[in-house]
Amino acid sequence: MNDGLRLAAVGSQLIGFIVIFLMRTYEVATFWQGLVLALMLLSAFLIWMRRHYERNKKLMQQQSKNTPE
C-alpha cells in the first residue's frame, strides 16, 4: 500500500515539475505555472492525508483485536 502511494506522490511531483519546466520554456503565463504548483501541493497533501487515514485505520483495527470483550 505504501509503495503505491509513494509512487503516486513521486509521479505527480515529477509530472508537475516537467509541466512547469515546459511552461517556462514556452513562456506561458505565470498564473498557469502557479496553478500547476498549487495542484502539485494539493496532490501531495491528499496523498499524505490518505497515508495517515490508512495508518490510523490499521492501528484502530489492531487495538480492537487486542482488547478483551
N, C-alpha and C. Protein backbone atom coordinates (compact mmCIF):
# COMPACT_ATOMS: atom_id res chain seq x y z
N MET A 1 0.82 -1.19 0.00
CA MET A 1 0.00 0.00 0.00
C MET A 1 0.87 1.25 0.00
N ASN A 2 1.87 1.31 0.82
CA ASN A 2 2.71 2.49 0.87
C ASN A 2 3.51 2.68 -0.41
N ASP A 3 3.90 1.57 -1.04
CA ASP A 3 4.67 1.70 -2.27
C ASP A 3 3.84 2.35 -3.37
N GLY A 4 2.59 1.99 -3.47
CA GLY A 4 1.71 2.60 -4.47
C GLY A 4 1.50 4.08 -4.22
N LEU A 5 1.30 4.44 -2.96
CA LEU A 5 1.12 5.86 -2.63
C LEU A 5 2.42 6.62 -2.85
N ARG A 6 3.53 6.01 -2.50
CA ARG A 6 4.82 6.67 -2.71
C ARG A 6 5.06 6.89 -4.20
N LEU A 7 4.74 5.90 -5.01
CA LEU A 7 4.88 6.03 -6.46
C LEU A 7 3.97 7.12 -7.00
N ALA A 8 2.74 7.20 -6.49
CA ALA A 8 1.82 8.25 -6.93
C ALA A 8 2.35 9.63 -6.54
N ALA A 9 2.92 9.75 -5.36
CA ALA A 9 3.45 11.04 -4.92
C ALA A 9 4.62 11.47 -5.78
N VAL A 10 5.55 10.57 -6.01
CA VAL A 10 6.72 10.90 -6.82
C VAL A 10 6.30 11.19 -8.26
N GLY A 11 5.39 10.40 -8.79
CA GLY A 11 4.92 10.59 -10.15
C GLY A 11 4.22 11.92 -10.36
N SER A 12 3.35 12.28 -9.40
CA SER A 12 2.63 13.55 -9.54
C SER A 12 3.58 14.74 -9.46
N GLN A 13 4.57 14.66 -8.58
CA GLN A 13 5.53 15.75 -8.47
C GLN A 13 6.40 15.84 -9.73
N LEU A 14 6.81 14.70 -10.26
CA LEU A 14 7.62 14.67 -11.47
C LEU A 14 6.86 15.27 -12.65
N ILE A 15 5.63 14.86 -12.82
CA ILE A 15 4.80 15.40 -13.91
C ILE A 15 4.62 16.91 -13.74
N GLY A 16 4.37 17.35 -12.51
CA GLY A 16 4.20 18.78 -12.25
C GLY A 16 5.45 19.58 -12.59
N PHE A 17 6.61 19.09 -12.19
CA PHE A 17 7.85 19.81 -12.49
C PHE A 17 8.12 19.84 -13.99
N ILE A 18 7.83 18.75 -14.69
CA ILE A 18 8.01 18.74 -16.14
C ILE A 18 7.08 19.75 -16.81
N VAL A 19 5.84 19.79 -16.37
CA VAL A 19 4.87 20.74 -16.94
C VAL A 19 5.32 22.17 -16.67
N ILE A 20 5.76 22.47 -15.45
CA ILE A 20 6.23 23.81 -15.14
C ILE A 20 7.46 24.16 -15.98
N PHE A 21 8.37 23.22 -16.14
CA PHE A 21 9.56 23.45 -16.96
C PHE A 21 9.16 23.77 -18.40
N LEU A 22 8.21 23.00 -18.94
CA LEU A 22 7.76 23.26 -20.31
C LEU A 22 7.05 24.61 -20.41
N MET A 23 6.30 24.96 -19.38
CA MET A 23 5.63 26.27 -19.39
C MET A 23 6.64 27.41 -19.37
N ARG A 24 7.70 27.24 -18.60
CA ARG A 24 8.75 28.26 -18.57
C ARG A 24 9.46 28.34 -19.91
N THR A 25 9.67 27.19 -20.56
CA THR A 25 10.35 27.16 -21.85
C THR A 25 9.55 27.91 -22.92
N TYR A 26 8.22 27.71 -22.91
CA TYR A 26 7.37 28.33 -23.92
C TYR A 26 6.72 29.62 -23.43
N GLU A 27 7.21 30.16 -22.31
CA GLU A 27 6.78 31.44 -21.75
C GLU A 27 5.27 31.54 -21.56
N VAL A 28 4.72 30.53 -20.91
CA VAL A 28 3.30 30.53 -20.56
C VAL A 28 3.12 31.44 -19.35
N ALA A 29 1.95 32.03 -19.22
CA ALA A 29 1.67 32.99 -18.14
C ALA A 29 1.97 32.39 -16.77
N THR A 30 2.43 33.25 -15.89
CA THR A 30 2.80 32.85 -14.53
C THR A 30 1.60 32.28 -13.78
N PHE A 31 0.40 32.77 -14.08
CA PHE A 31 -0.80 32.27 -13.41
C PHE A 31 -0.92 30.75 -13.59
N TRP A 32 -0.71 30.25 -14.79
CA TRP A 32 -0.85 28.82 -15.07
C TRP A 32 0.26 28.03 -14.39
N GLN A 33 1.44 28.61 -14.30
CA GLN A 33 2.53 27.94 -13.59
C GLN A 33 2.19 27.82 -12.12
N GLY A 34 1.62 28.88 -11.56
CA GLY A 34 1.20 28.85 -10.16
C GLY A 34 0.09 27.86 -9.93
N LEU A 35 -0.81 27.75 -10.89
CA LEU A 35 -1.91 26.79 -10.78
C LEU A 35 -1.37 25.35 -10.76
N VAL A 36 -0.40 25.07 -11.62
CA VAL A 36 0.21 23.74 -11.63
C VAL A 36 0.90 23.47 -10.29
N LEU A 37 1.61 24.46 -9.77
CA LEU A 37 2.26 24.30 -8.47
C LEU A 37 1.24 24.04 -7.37
N ALA A 38 0.13 24.76 -7.40
CA ALA A 38 -0.92 24.56 -6.40
C ALA A 38 -1.50 23.14 -6.51
N LEU A 39 -1.68 22.65 -7.73
CA LEU A 39 -2.18 21.29 -7.91
C LEU A 39 -1.18 20.25 -7.41
N MET A 40 0.10 20.53 -7.59
CA MET A 40 1.13 19.63 -7.07
C MET A 40 1.06 19.56 -5.55
N LEU A 41 0.93 20.72 -4.92
CA LEU A 41 0.84 20.76 -3.45
C LEU A 41 -0.43 20.09 -2.96
N LEU A 42 -1.53 20.29 -3.67
CA LEU A 42 -2.79 19.65 -3.30
C LEU A 42 -2.69 18.14 -3.40
N SER A 43 -2.07 17.64 -4.47
CA SER A 43 -1.94 16.19 -4.61
C SER A 43 -1.05 15.62 -3.51
N ALA A 44 0.03 16.32 -3.17
CA ALA A 44 0.90 15.86 -2.09
C ALA A 44 0.13 15.82 -0.76
N PHE A 45 -0.69 16.83 -0.51
CA PHE A 45 -1.48 16.88 0.72
C PHE A 45 -2.49 15.75 0.77
N LEU A 46 -3.17 15.50 -0.35
CA LEU A 46 -4.17 14.43 -0.36
C LEU A 46 -3.54 13.06 -0.18
N ILE A 47 -2.37 12.85 -0.76
CA ILE A 47 -1.66 11.58 -0.57
C ILE A 47 -1.23 11.43 0.88
N TRP A 48 -0.76 12.51 1.48
CA TRP A 48 -0.37 12.48 2.90
C TRP A 48 -1.58 12.15 3.78
N MET A 49 -2.72 12.78 3.48
CA MET A 49 -3.93 12.50 4.26
C MET A 49 -4.35 11.05 4.11
N ARG A 50 -4.25 10.50 2.93
CA ARG A 50 -4.62 9.10 2.69
C ARG A 50 -3.72 8.15 3.48
N ARG A 51 -2.41 8.44 3.50
CA ARG A 51 -1.48 7.60 4.25
C ARG A 51 -1.82 7.61 5.73
N HIS A 52 -2.13 8.79 6.28
CA HIS A 52 -2.46 8.87 7.70
C HIS A 52 -3.79 8.18 7.99
N TYR A 53 -4.75 8.30 7.11
CA TYR A 53 -6.03 7.63 7.30
C TYR A 53 -5.84 6.11 7.33
N GLU A 54 -5.08 5.59 6.37
CA GLU A 54 -4.85 4.15 6.32
C GLU A 54 -4.09 3.66 7.55
N ARG A 55 -3.10 4.44 7.99
CA ARG A 55 -2.33 4.04 9.17
C ARG A 55 -3.20 4.06 10.42
N ASN A 56 -4.01 5.10 10.59
CA ASN A 56 -4.88 5.17 11.76
C ASN A 56 -5.93 4.07 11.74
N LYS A 57 -6.45 3.76 10.56
CA LYS A 57 -7.43 2.68 10.44
C LYS A 57 -6.81 1.35 10.84
N LYS A 58 -5.58 1.12 10.41
CA LYS A 58 -4.87 -0.12 10.76
C LYS A 58 -4.62 -0.20 12.27
N LEU A 59 -4.22 0.93 12.87
CA LEU A 59 -3.99 0.94 14.31
C LEU A 59 -5.27 0.68 15.10
N MET A 60 -6.36 1.25 14.66
CA MET A 60 -7.64 1.04 15.35
C MET A 60 -8.09 -0.41 15.24
N GLN A 61 -7.84 -1.04 14.10
CA GLN A 61 -8.20 -2.45 13.94
C GLN A 61 -7.34 -3.33 14.84
N GLN A 62 -6.06 -3.00 14.96
CA GLN A 62 -5.18 -3.77 15.85
C GLN A 62 -5.59 -3.61 17.30
N GLN A 63 -5.98 -2.40 17.67
CA GLN A 63 -6.40 -2.16 19.07
C GLN A 63 -7.69 -2.90 19.39
N SER A 64 -8.61 -2.94 18.42
CA SER A 64 -9.88 -3.62 18.68
C SER A 64 -9.67 -5.14 18.78
N LYS A 65 -8.67 -5.67 18.09
CA LYS A 65 -8.37 -7.10 18.20
C LYS A 65 -7.72 -7.42 19.54
N ASN A 66 -6.96 -6.51 20.09
CA ASN A 66 -6.23 -6.75 21.33
C ASN A 66 -7.04 -6.51 22.60
N THR A 67 -8.16 -5.81 22.49
CA THR A 67 -8.96 -5.54 23.66
C THR A 67 -9.89 -6.72 23.94
N PRO A 68 -9.86 -7.23 25.17
CA PRO A 68 -10.75 -8.36 25.51
C PRO A 68 -12.19 -7.87 25.66
N GLU A 69 -13.11 -8.71 25.30
CA GLU A 69 -14.54 -8.34 25.40
C GLU A 69 -15.16 -8.83 26.66
